[in-house]
PDB file of N, CA and C in Angstrom:
ATOM      1  N   UNK A   1     -34.003 -27.461  -2.709  1.00  0.00           N
ATOM      2  CA  UNK A   1     -32.737 -27.701  -3.361  1.00  0.00           C
ATOM      3  C   UNK A   1     -31.934 -26.396  -3.481  1.00  0.00           C
ATOM      4  N   UNK A   2     -32.628 -25.305  -3.806  1.00  0.00           N
ATOM      5  CA  UNK A   2     -31.963 -24.016  -3.943  1.00  0.00           C
ATOM      6  C   UNK A   2     -31.329 -23.597  -2.609  1.00  0.00           C
ATOM      7  N   UNK A   3     -32.019 -23.849  -1.501  1.00  0.00           N
ATOM      8  CA  UNK A   3     -31.495 -23.487  -0.188  1.00  0.00           C
ATOM      9  C   UNK A   3     -30.292 -24.348   0.182  1.00  0.00           C
ATOM     10  N   UNK A   4     -30.303 -25.598  -0.232  1.00  0.00           N
ATOM     11  CA  UNK A   4     -29.180 -26.487   0.034  1.00  0.00           C
ATOM     12  C   UNK A   4     -27.928 -25.996  -0.700  1.00  0.00           C
ATOM     13  N   UNK A   5     -28.092 -25.601  -1.946  1.00  0.00           N
ATOM     14  CA  UNK A   5     -26.965 -25.092  -2.729  1.00  0.00           C
ATOM     15  C   UNK A   5     -26.440 -23.794  -2.123  1.00  0.00           C
ATOM     16  N   UNK A   6     -27.352 -22.899  -1.736  1.00  0.00           N
ATOM     17  CA  UNK A   6     -26.932 -21.643  -1.109  1.00  0.00           C
ATOM     18  C   UNK A   6     -26.209 -21.894   0.206  1.00  0.00           C
ATOM     19  N   UNK A   7     -26.689 -22.864   0.978  1.00  0.00           N
ATOM     20  CA  UNK A   7     -26.037 -23.207   2.245  1.00  0.00           C
ATOM     21  C   UNK A   7     -24.631 -23.734   2.002  1.00  0.00           C
ATOM     22  N   UNK A   8     -24.489 -24.590   0.998  1.00  0.00           N
ATOM     23  CA  UNK A   8     -23.163 -25.132   0.668  1.00  0.00           C
ATOM     24  C   UNK A   8     -22.214 -24.022   0.222  1.00  0.00           C
ATOM     25  N   UNK A   9     -22.717 -23.115  -0.604  1.00  0.00           N
ATOM     26  CA  UNK A   9     -21.889 -21.998  -1.055  1.00  0.00           C
ATOM     27  C   UNK A   9     -21.464 -21.118   0.117  1.00  0.00           C
ATOM     28  N   UNK A  10     -22.374 -20.900   1.055  1.00  0.00           N
ATOM     29  CA  UNK A  10     -22.051 -20.097   2.233  1.00  0.00           C
ATOM     30  C   UNK A  10     -20.963 -20.780   3.063  1.00  0.00           C
ATOM     31  N   UNK A  11     -21.067 -22.104   3.221  1.00  0.00           N
ATOM     32  CA  UNK A  11     -20.055 -22.849   3.989  1.00  0.00           C
ATOM     33  C   UNK A  11     -18.691 -22.782   3.309  1.00  0.00           C
ATOM     34  N   UNK A  12     -18.677 -22.998   2.013  1.00  0.00           N
ATOM     35  CA  UNK A  12     -17.417 -22.958   1.274  1.00  0.00           C
ATOM     36  C   UNK A  12     -16.806 -21.562   1.354  1.00  0.00           C
ATOM     37  N   UNK A  13     -17.622 -20.530   1.207  1.00  0.00           N
ATOM     38  CA  UNK A  13     -17.123 -19.153   1.300  1.00  0.00           C
ATOM     39  C   UNK A  13     -16.529 -18.887   2.674  1.00  0.00           C
ATOM     40  N   UNK A  14     -17.215 -19.332   3.714  1.00  0.00           N
ATOM     41  CA  UNK A  14     -16.722 -19.141   5.076  1.00  0.00           C
ATOM     42  C   UNK A  14     -15.380 -19.835   5.266  1.00  0.00           C
ATOM     43  N   UNK A  15     -15.260 -21.055   4.771  1.00  0.00           N
ATOM     44  CA  UNK A  15     -14.008 -21.802   4.916  1.00  0.00           C
ATOM     45  C   UNK A  15     -12.881 -21.101   4.166  1.00  0.00           C
ATOM     46  N   UNK A  16     -13.144 -20.652   2.949  1.00  0.00           N
ATOM     47  CA  UNK A  16     -12.112 -19.972   2.172  1.00  0.00           C
ATOM     48  C   UNK A  16     -11.669 -18.678   2.840  1.00  0.00           C
ATOM     49  N   UNK A  17     -12.614 -17.919   3.353  1.00  0.00           N
ATOM     50  CA  UNK A  17     -12.281 -16.661   4.026  1.00  0.00           C
ATOM     51  C   UNK A  17     -11.490 -16.942   5.295  1.00  0.00           C
ATOM     52  N   UNK A  18     -11.891 -17.946   6.053  1.00  0.00           N
ATOM     53  CA  UNK A  18     -11.196 -18.295   7.285  1.00  0.00           C
ATOM     54  C   UNK A  18      -9.777 -18.743   6.991  1.00  0.00           C
ATOM     55  N   UNK A  19      -9.608 -19.592   5.982  1.00  0.00           N
ATOM     56  CA  UNK A  19      -8.265 -20.055   5.628  1.00  0.00           C
ATOM     57  C   UNK A  19      -7.400 -18.898   5.159  1.00  0.00           C
ATOM     58  N   UNK A  20      -7.943 -18.034   4.348  1.00  0.00           N
ATOM     59  CA  UNK A  20      -7.179 -16.887   3.860  1.00  0.00           C
ATOM     60  C   UNK A  20      -6.811 -15.966   5.012  1.00  0.00           C
ATOM     61  N   UNK A  21      -7.742 -15.748   5.932  1.00  0.00           N
ATOM     62  CA  UNK A  21      -7.474 -14.859   7.062  1.00  0.00           C
ATOM     63  C   UNK A  21      -6.366 -15.416   7.944  1.00  0.00           C
ATOM     64  N   UNK A  22      -6.320 -16.738   8.120  1.00  0.00           N
ATOM     65  CA  UNK A  22      -5.270 -17.303   8.955  1.00  0.00           C
ATOM     66  C   UNK A  22      -3.927 -17.293   8.239  1.00  0.00           C
ATOM     67  N   UNK A  23      -3.930 -17.245   6.909  1.00  0.00           N
ATOM     68  CA  UNK A  23      -2.679 -17.185   6.147  1.00  0.00           C
ATOM     69  C   UNK A  23      -2.075 -15.791   6.176  1.00  0.00           C
ATOM     70  N   UNK A  24      -2.916 -14.787   6.157  1.00  0.00           N
ATOM     71  CA  UNK A  24      -2.425 -13.411   6.148  1.00  0.00           C
ATOM     72  C   UNK A  24      -1.766 -13.131   7.491  1.00  0.00           C
ATOM     73  N   UNK A  25      -0.518 -12.677   7.442  1.00  0.00           N
ATOM     74  CA  UNK A  25       0.262 -12.467   8.663  1.00  0.00           C
ATOM     75  C   UNK A  25      -0.421 -11.461   9.573  1.00  0.00           C
ATOM     76  N   UNK A  26      -0.723 -11.871  10.785  1.00  0.00           N
ATOM     77  CA  UNK A  26      -1.305 -10.979  11.767  1.00  0.00           C
ATOM     78  C   UNK A  26      -2.755 -10.623  11.505  1.00  0.00           C
ATOM     79  N   UNK A  27      -3.369 -11.220  10.506  1.00  0.00           N
ATOM     80  CA  UNK A  27      -4.763 -10.938  10.146  1.00  0.00           C
ATOM     81  C   UNK A  27      -5.010  -9.450   9.924  1.00  0.00           C
ATOM     82  N   UNK A  28      -4.002  -8.739   9.498  1.00  0.00           N
ATOM     83  CA  UNK A  28      -4.107  -7.308   9.266  1.00  0.00           C
ATOM     84  C   UNK A  28      -4.137  -7.055   7.768  1.00  0.00           C
ATOM     85  N   UNK A  29      -5.194  -6.412   7.257  1.00  0.00           N
ATOM     86  CA  UNK A  29      -5.281  -6.191   5.816  1.00  0.00           C
ATOM     87  C   UNK A  29      -4.107  -5.406   5.246  1.00  0.00           C
ATOM     88  N   UNK A  30      -3.428  -4.615   6.073  1.00  0.00           N
ATOM     89  CA  UNK A  30      -2.280  -3.864   5.564  1.00  0.00           C
ATOM     90  C   UNK A  30      -1.091  -4.778   5.299  1.00  0.00           C
ATOM     91  N   UNK A  31      -1.152  -6.023   5.785  1.00  0.00           N
ATOM     92  CA  UNK A  31      -0.069  -6.969   5.546  1.00  0.00           C
ATOM     93  C   UNK A  31      -0.102  -7.544   4.133  1.00  0.00           C
ATOM     94  N   UNK A  32      -1.209  -7.354   3.405  1.00  0.00           N
ATOM     95  CA  UNK A  32      -1.280  -7.867   2.045  1.00  0.00           C
ATOM     96  C   UNK A  32      -0.377  -7.027   1.152  1.00  0.00           C
ATOM     97  N   UNK A  33       0.571  -7.673   0.512  1.00  0.00           N
ATOM     98  CA  UNK A  33       1.520  -6.966  -0.333  1.00  0.00           C
ATOM     99  C   UNK A  33       1.376  -7.408  -1.778  1.00  0.00           C
ATOM    100  N   UNK A  34       1.607  -6.507  -2.677  1.00  0.00           N
ATOM    101  CA  UNK A  34       1.690  -6.846  -4.092  1.00  0.00           C
ATOM    102  C   UNK A  34       3.175  -6.911  -4.419  1.00  0.00           C
ATOM    103  N   UNK A  35       3.702  -8.111  -4.446  1.00  0.00           N
ATOM    104  CA  UNK A  35       5.132  -8.287  -4.666  1.00  0.00           C
ATOM    105  C   UNK A  35       5.454  -8.281  -6.157  1.00  0.00           C
ATOM    106  N   UNK A  36       6.608  -7.715  -6.510  1.00  0.00           N
ATOM    107  CA  UNK A  36       7.009  -7.698  -7.923  1.00  0.00           C
ATOM    108  C   UNK A  36       7.330  -9.100  -8.423  1.00  0.00           C
ATOM    109  N   UNK A  37       7.540  -9.224  -9.716  1.00  0.00           N
ATOM    110  CA  UNK A  37       7.826 -10.538 -10.287  1.00  0.00           C
ATOM    111  C   UNK A  37       9.098 -11.121  -9.670  1.00  0.00           C
ATOM    112  N   UNK A  38       9.148 -12.440  -9.646  1.00  0.00           N
ATOM    113  CA  UNK A  38      10.261 -13.219  -9.088  1.00  0.00           C
ATOM    114  C   UNK A  38      10.391 -13.064  -7.578  1.00  0.00           C
ATOM    115  N   UNK A  39       9.287 -12.684  -6.918  1.00  0.00           N
ATOM    116  CA  UNK A  39       9.302 -12.566  -5.465  1.00  0.00           C
ATOM    117  C   UNK A  39       7.956 -13.001  -4.907  1.00  0.00           C
ATOM    118  N   UNK A  40       7.916 -13.159  -3.587  1.00  0.00           N
ATOM    119  CA  UNK A  40       6.698 -13.609  -2.915  1.00  0.00           C
ATOM    120  C   UNK A  40       6.627 -12.963  -1.532  1.00  0.00           C
ATOM    121  N   UNK A  41       5.436 -12.985  -0.960  1.00  0.00           N
ATOM    122  CA  UNK A  41       5.237 -12.439   0.381  1.00  0.00           C
ATOM    123  C   UNK A  41       5.665 -13.476   1.405  1.00  0.00           C
ATOM    124  N   UNK A  42       6.430 -13.041   2.386  1.00  0.00           N
ATOM    125  CA  UNK A  42       6.879 -13.929   3.455  1.00  0.00           C
ATOM    126  C   UNK A  42       7.265 -13.079   4.661  1.00  0.00           C
ATOM    127  N   UNK A  43       7.552 -13.758   5.764  1.00  0.00           N
ATOM    128  CA  UNK A  43       8.010 -13.048   6.956  1.00  0.00           C
ATOM    129  C   UNK A  43       9.439 -12.559   6.738  1.00  0.00           C
ATOM    130  N   UNK A  44       9.732 -11.397   7.279  1.00  0.00           N
ATOM    131  CA  UNK A  44      11.093 -10.860   7.189  1.00  0.00           C
ATOM    132  C   UNK A  44      12.031 -11.756   7.995  1.00  0.00           C
ATOM    133  N   UNK A  45      13.187 -12.091   7.438  1.00  0.00           N
ATOM    134  CA  UNK A  45      14.141 -12.918   8.185  1.00  0.00           C
ATOM    135  C   UNK A  45      14.864 -12.084   9.238  1.00  0.00           C
ATOM    136  N   UNK A  46      15.442 -12.755  10.220  1.00  0.00           N
ATOM    137  CA  UNK A  46      16.215 -12.040  11.244  1.00  0.00           C
ATOM    138  C   UNK A  46      17.457 -11.407  10.637  1.00  0.00           C
ATOM    139  N   UNK A  47      18.086 -12.114   9.725  1.00  0.00           N
ATOM    140  CA  UNK A  47      19.269 -11.602   9.033  1.00  0.00           C
ATOM    141  C   UNK A  47      18.861 -11.244   7.615  1.00  0.00           C
ATOM    142  N   UNK A  48      19.484 -10.245   7.029  1.00  0.00           N
ATOM    143  CA  UNK A  48      19.080  -9.844   5.677  1.00  0.00           C
ATOM    144  C   UNK A  48      19.322 -10.947   4.654  1.00  0.00           C
ATOM    145  N   UNK A  49      18.513 -10.955   3.621  1.00  0.00           N
ATOM    146  CA  UNK A  49      18.703 -11.885   2.515  1.00  0.00           C
ATOM    147  C   UNK A  49      19.911 -11.446   1.695  1.00  0.00           C
ATOM    148  N   UNK A  50      20.584 -12.391   1.034  1.00  0.00           N
ATOM    149  CA  UNK A  50      21.645 -11.999   0.103  1.00  0.00           C
ATOM    150  C   UNK A  50      21.068 -11.114  -0.997  1.00  0.00           C
ATOM    151  N   UNK A  51      21.901 -10.233  -1.523  1.00  0.00           N
ATOM    152  CA  UNK A  51      21.462  -9.329  -2.585  1.00  0.00           C
ATOM    153  C   UNK A  51      22.556  -9.233  -3.642  1.00  0.00           C
ATOM    154  N   UNK A  52      22.272  -8.519  -4.715  1.00  0.00           N
ATOM    155  CA  UNK A  52      23.302  -8.286  -5.733  1.00  0.00           C
ATOM    156  C   UNK A  52      24.498  -7.579  -5.115  1.00  0.00           C
ATOM    157  N   UNK A  53      24.232  -6.676  -4.202  1.00  0.00           N
ATOM    158  CA  UNK A  53      25.286  -5.861  -3.618  1.00  0.00           C
ATOM    159  C   UNK A  53      26.073  -6.624  -2.545  1.00  0.00           C
ATOM    160  N   UNK A  54      25.412  -7.471  -1.789  1.00  0.00           N
ATOM    161  CA  UNK A  54      26.065  -8.258  -0.731  1.00  0.00           C
ATOM    162  C   UNK A  54      25.607  -9.705  -0.898  1.00  0.00           C
ATOM    163  N   UNK A  55      26.460 -10.517  -1.501  1.00  0.00           N
ATOM    164  CA  UNK A  55      26.083 -11.898  -1.823  1.00  0.00           C
ATOM    165  C   UNK A  55      26.135 -12.815  -0.604  1.00  0.00           C
ATOM    166  N   UNK A  56      27.152 -12.643   0.237  1.00  0.00           N
ATOM    167  CA  UNK A  56      27.308 -13.505   1.407  1.00  0.00           C
ATOM    168  C   UNK A  56      26.994 -12.672   2.641  1.00  0.00           C
ATOM    169  N   UNK A  57      25.988 -13.104   3.384  1.00  0.00           N
ATOM    170  CA  UNK A  57      25.537 -12.365   4.563  1.00  0.00           C
ATOM    171  C   UNK A  57      26.003 -13.102   5.809  1.00  0.00           C
ATOM    172  N   UNK A  58      26.688 -12.378   6.677  1.00  0.00           N
ATOM    173  CA  UNK A  58      27.098 -12.942   7.953  1.00  0.00           C
ATOM    174  C   UNK A  58      26.160 -12.407   9.024  1.00  0.00           C
ATOM    175  N   UNK A  59      25.698 -13.298   9.872  1.00  0.00           N
ATOM    176  CA  UNK A  59      24.769 -12.911  10.930  1.00  0.00           C
ATOM    177  C   UNK A  59      25.281 -13.483  12.244  1.00  0.00           C
ATOM    178  N   UNK A  60      25.387 -12.640  13.231  1.00  0.00           N
ATOM    179  CA  UNK A  60      25.861 -13.098  14.540  1.00  0.00           C
ATOM    180  C   UNK A  60      24.874 -14.086  15.140  1.00  0.00           C
ATOM    181  N   UNK A  61      25.404 -15.117  15.757  1.00  0.00           N
ATOM    182  CA  UNK A  61      24.565 -16.155  16.353  1.00  0.00           C
ATOM    183  C   UNK A  61      23.753 -15.621  17.526  1.00  0.00           C
ATOM    184  N   UNK A  62      24.260 -14.595  18.214  1.00  0.00           N
ATOM    185  CA  UNK A  62      23.556 -14.061  19.377  1.00  0.00           C
ATOM    186  C   UNK A  62      22.622 -12.905  19.021  1.00  0.00           C
ATOM    187  N   UNK A  63      22.389 -12.690  17.742  1.00  0.00           N
ATOM    188  CA  UNK A  63      21.513 -11.597  17.307  1.00  0.00           C
ATOM    189  C   UNK A  63      20.084 -11.855  17.780  1.00  0.00           C
ATOM    190  N   UNK A  64      19.470 -10.829  18.364  1.00  0.00           N
ATOM    191  CA  UNK A  64      18.088 -10.938  18.825  1.00  0.00           C
ATOM    192  C   UNK A  64      17.156 -10.972  17.621  1.00  0.00           C
ATOM    193  N   UNK A  65      16.222 -11.891  17.661  1.00  0.00           N
ATOM    194  CA  UNK A  65      15.265 -12.013  16.565  1.00  0.00           C
ATOM    195  C   UNK A  65      13.853 -11.942  17.129  1.00  0.00           C
ATOM    196  N   UNK A  66      13.110 -10.937  16.721  1.00  0.00           N
ATOM    197  CA  UNK A  66      11.714 -10.799  17.124  1.00  0.00           C
ATOM    198  C   UNK A  66      10.905 -11.851  16.377  1.00  0.00           C
ATOM    199  N   UNK A  67      10.187 -12.678  17.092  1.00  0.00           N
ATOM    200  CA  UNK A  67       9.440 -13.763  16.463  1.00  0.00           C
ATOM    201  C   UNK A  67       8.161 -13.296  15.786  1.00  0.00           C
ATOM    202  N   UNK A  68       7.779 -12.053  15.971  1.00  0.00           N
ATOM    203  CA  UNK A  68       6.575 -11.531  15.324  1.00  0.00           C
ATOM    204  C   UNK A  68       6.843 -11.375  13.829  1.00  0.00           C
ATOM    205  N   UNK A  69       5.907 -11.816  13.037  1.00  0.00           N
ATOM    206  CA  UNK A  69       6.090 -11.784  11.587  1.00  0.00           C
ATOM    207  C   UNK A  69       5.803 -10.396  11.029  1.00  0.00           C
ATOM    208  N   UNK A  70       6.751  -9.883  10.273  1.00  0.00           N
ATOM    209  CA  UNK A  70       6.564  -8.638   9.526  1.00  0.00           C
ATOM    210  C   UNK A  70       6.617  -9.023   8.052  1.00  0.00           C
ATOM    211  N   UNK A  71       5.502  -8.869   7.367  1.00  0.00           N
ATOM    212  CA  UNK A  71       5.423  -9.286   5.969  1.00  0.00           C
ATOM    213  C   UNK A  71       6.238  -8.374   5.063  1.00  0.00           C
ATOM    214  N   UNK A  72       7.035  -9.011   4.224  1.00  0.00           N
ATOM    215  CA  UNK A  72       7.811  -8.291   3.216  1.00  0.00           C
ATOM    216  C   UNK A  72       7.786  -9.115   1.930  1.00  0.00           C
ATOM    217  N   UNK A  73       8.262  -8.527   0.864  1.00  0.00           N
ATOM    218  CA  UNK A  73       8.447  -9.273  -0.383  1.00  0.00           C
ATOM    219  C   UNK A  73       9.873  -9.811  -0.387  1.00  0.00           C
ATOM    220  N   UNK A  74      10.008 -11.131  -0.559  1.00  0.00           N
ATOM    221  CA  UNK A  74      11.321 -11.776  -0.611  1.00  0.00           C
ATOM    222  C   UNK A  74      11.512 -12.406  -1.974  1.00  0.00           C
ATOM    223  N   UNK A  75      12.725 -12.399  -2.443  1.00  0.00           N
ATOM    224  CA  UNK A  75      13.022 -12.980  -3.755  1.00  0.00           C
ATOM    225  C   UNK A  75      12.816 -14.492  -3.733  1.00  0.00           C
ATOM    226  N   UNK A  76      12.343 -15.009  -4.851  1.00  0.00           N
ATOM    227  CA  UNK A  76      12.196 -16.451  -5.009  1.00  0.00           C
ATOM    228  C   UNK A  76      13.577 -17.107  -4.990  1.00  0.00           C
ATOM    229  N   UNK A  77      13.594 -18.411  -4.755  1.00  0.00           N
ATOM    230  CA  UNK A  77      14.839 -19.173  -4.737  1.00  0.00           C
ATOM    231  C   UNK A  77      15.555 -19.002  -6.079  1.00  0.00           C
ATOM    232  N   UNK A  78      16.843 -18.734  -6.017  1.00  0.00           N
ATOM    233  CA  UNK A  78      17.634 -18.556  -7.232  1.00  0.00           C
ATOM    234  C   UNK A  78      17.738 -17.114  -7.695  1.00  0.00           C
ATOM    235  N   UNK A  79      17.034 -16.197  -7.030  1.00  0.00           N
ATOM    236  CA  UNK A  79      17.055 -14.779  -7.398  1.00  0.00           C
ATOM    237  C   UNK A  79      17.683 -13.962  -6.277  1.00  0.00           C
ATOM    238  N   UNK A  80      18.268 -12.843  -6.633  1.00  0.00           N
ATOM    239  CA  UNK A  80      18.847 -11.903  -5.673  1.00  0.00           C
ATOM    240  C   UNK A  80      18.174 -10.554  -5.843  1.00  0.00           C
ATOM    241  N   UNK A  81      18.070  -9.820  -4.750  1.00  0.00           N
ATOM    242  CA  UNK A  81      17.474  -8.483  -4.834  1.00  0.00           C
ATOM    243  C   UNK A  81      18.535  -7.480  -5.265  1.00  0.00           C
ATOM    244  N   UNK A  82      18.201  -6.721  -6.277  1.00  0.00           N
ATOM    245  CA  UNK A  82      19.042  -5.592  -6.679  1.00  0.00           C
ATOM    246  C   UNK A  82      18.552  -4.411  -5.856  1.00  0.00           C
ATOM    247  N   UNK A  83      19.338  -4.005  -4.864  1.00  0.00           N
ATOM    248  CA  UNK A  83      18.910  -2.944  -3.951  1.00  0.00           C
ATOM    249  C   UNK A  83      18.801  -1.583  -4.628  1.00  0.00           C
ATOM    250  N   UNK A  84      19.367  -1.439  -5.811  1.00  0.00           N
ATOM    251  CA  UNK A  84      19.258  -0.181  -6.547  1.00  0.00           C
ATOM    252  C   UNK A  84      17.879  -0.070  -7.194  1.00  0.00           C
ATOM    253  N   UNK A  85      17.448  -1.141  -7.870  1.00  0.00           N
ATOM    254  CA  UNK A  85      16.156  -1.115  -8.565  1.00  0.00           C
ATOM    255  C   UNK A  85      15.025  -1.680  -7.723  1.00  0.00           C
ATOM    256  N   UNK A  86      15.359  -2.495  -6.699  1.00  0.00           N
ATOM    257  CA  UNK A  86      14.339  -3.137  -5.882  1.00  0.00           C
ATOM    258  C   UNK A  86      13.763  -4.390  -6.514  1.00  0.00           C
ATOM    259  N   UNK A  87      14.283  -4.795  -7.668  1.00  0.00           N
ATOM    260  CA  UNK A  87      13.771  -5.975  -8.368  1.00  0.00           C
ATOM    261  C   UNK A  87      14.570  -7.214  -7.982  1.00  0.00           C
ATOM    262  N   UNK A  88      13.924  -8.375  -8.098  1.00  0.00           N
ATOM    263  CA  UNK A  88      14.595  -9.650  -7.902  1.00  0.00           C
ATOM    264  C   UNK A  88      15.060 -10.146  -9.267  1.00  0.00           C
ATOM    265  N   UNK A  89      16.360 -10.374  -9.383  1.00  0.00           N
ATOM    266  CA  UNK A  89      16.950 -10.753 -10.665  1.00  0.00           C
ATOM    267  C   UNK A  89      17.816 -12.000 -10.490  1.00  0.00           C
ATOM    268  N   UNK A  90      18.109 -12.650 -11.600  1.00  0.00           N
ATOM    269  CA  UNK A  90      19.051 -13.764 -11.575  1.00  0.00           C
ATOM    270  C   UNK A  90      20.444 -13.206 -11.285  1.00  0.00           C
ATOM    271  N   UNK A  91      21.307 -13.981 -10.624  1.00  0.00           N
ATOM    272  CA  UNK A  91      22.647 -13.474 -10.309  1.00  0.00           C
ATOM    273  C   UNK A  91      23.392 -12.922 -11.530  1.00  0.00           C
ATOM    274  N   UNK A  92      23.213 -13.535 -12.684  1.00  0.00           N
ATOM    275  CA  UNK A  92      23.887 -13.061 -13.901  1.00  0.00           C
ATOM    276  C   UNK A  92      23.367 -11.694 -14.352  1.00  0.00           C
ATOM    277  N   UNK A  93      22.181 -11.295 -13.869  1.00  0.00           N
ATOM    278  CA  UNK A  93      21.593 -10.009 -14.248  1.00  0.00           C
ATOM    279  C   UNK A  93      21.937  -8.888 -13.267  1.00  0.00           C
ATOM    280  N   UNK A  94      22.685  -9.211 -12.207  1.00  0.00           N
ATOM    281  CA  UNK A  94      23.083  -8.185 -11.245  1.00  0.00           C
ATOM    282  C   UNK A  94      24.031  -7.199 -11.915  1.00  0.00           C
ATOM    283  N   UNK A  95      23.899  -5.917 -11.580  1.00  0.00           N
ATOM    284  CA  UNK A  95      24.838  -4.929 -12.125  1.00  0.00           C
ATOM    285  C   UNK A  95      26.263  -5.288 -11.708  1.00  0.00           C
ATOM    286  N   UNK A  96      27.178  -5.290 -12.643  1.00  0.00           N
ATOM    287  CA  UNK A  96      28.565  -5.708 -12.372  1.00  0.00           C
ATOM    288  C   UNK A  96      29.283  -4.765 -11.419  1.00  0.00           C
ATOM    289  N   UNK A  97      29.000  -3.484 -11.490  1.00  0.00           N
ATOM    290  CA  UNK A  97      29.739  -2.502 -10.697  1.00  0.00           C
ATOM    291  C   UNK A  97      29.330  -2.461  -9.232  1.00  0.00           C
ATOM    292  N   UNK A  98      28.240  -3.146  -8.854  1.00  0.00           N
ATOM    293  CA  UNK A  98      27.772  -3.032  -7.470  1.00  0.00           C
ATOM    294  C   UNK A  98      28.163  -4.222  -6.605  1.00  0.00           C
ATOM    295  N   UNK A  99      28.821  -5.215  -7.167  1.00  0.00           N
ATOM    296  CA  UNK A  99      29.178  -6.401  -6.382  1.00  0.00           C
ATOM    297  C   UNK A  99      30.367  -6.063  -5.489  1.00  0.00           C
ATOM    298  N   UNK A 100      30.180  -6.236  -4.170  1.00  0.00           N
ATOM    299  CA  UNK A 100      31.255  -5.961  -3.225  1.00  0.00           C
ATOM    300  C   UNK A 100      32.116  -7.218  -3.096  1.00  0.00           C
ATOM    301  N   UNK A 101      33.428  -7.067  -3.169  1.00  0.00           N
ATOM    302  CA  UNK A 101      34.289  -8.243  -3.014  1.00  0.00           C
ATOM    303  C   UNK A 101      34.227  -8.751  -1.580  1.00  0.00           C
ATOM    304  N   UNK A 102      34.335 -10.059  -1.425  1.00  0.00           N
ATOM    305  CA  UNK A 102      34.344 -10.644  -0.083  1.00  0.00           C
ATOM    306  C   UNK A 102      35.787 -10.767   0.373  1.00  0.00           C
ATOM    307  N   UNK A 103      36.007 -10.583   1.660  1.00  0.00           N
ATOM    308  CA  UNK A 103      37.384 -10.627   2.165  1.00  0.00           C
ATOM    309  C   UNK A 103      37.735 -11.980   2.718  1.00  0.00           C
TER     310      UNK A 103
END
């Protein structure tokens, strides 16, 4: 019975490690990031995310996008990155003096 339990634990451990390894971008341990609050690890987008400083991002349709995933910390939905502090904040918490007017 003890060997059966150990075998089951070994199988579960293997499955968890395999699943985690396939989730980590590129299976490279350096891709593991400790993201600040209100953000998560994800692939870098081809076009920059909106930020406190630049709310509306225009991206050319013919822009080349490398399909290889580069892990970065991205703000959660509803948050913007304050490029001065590097934190993800609610739009109302963005510094007032850094908002660029749109033309």
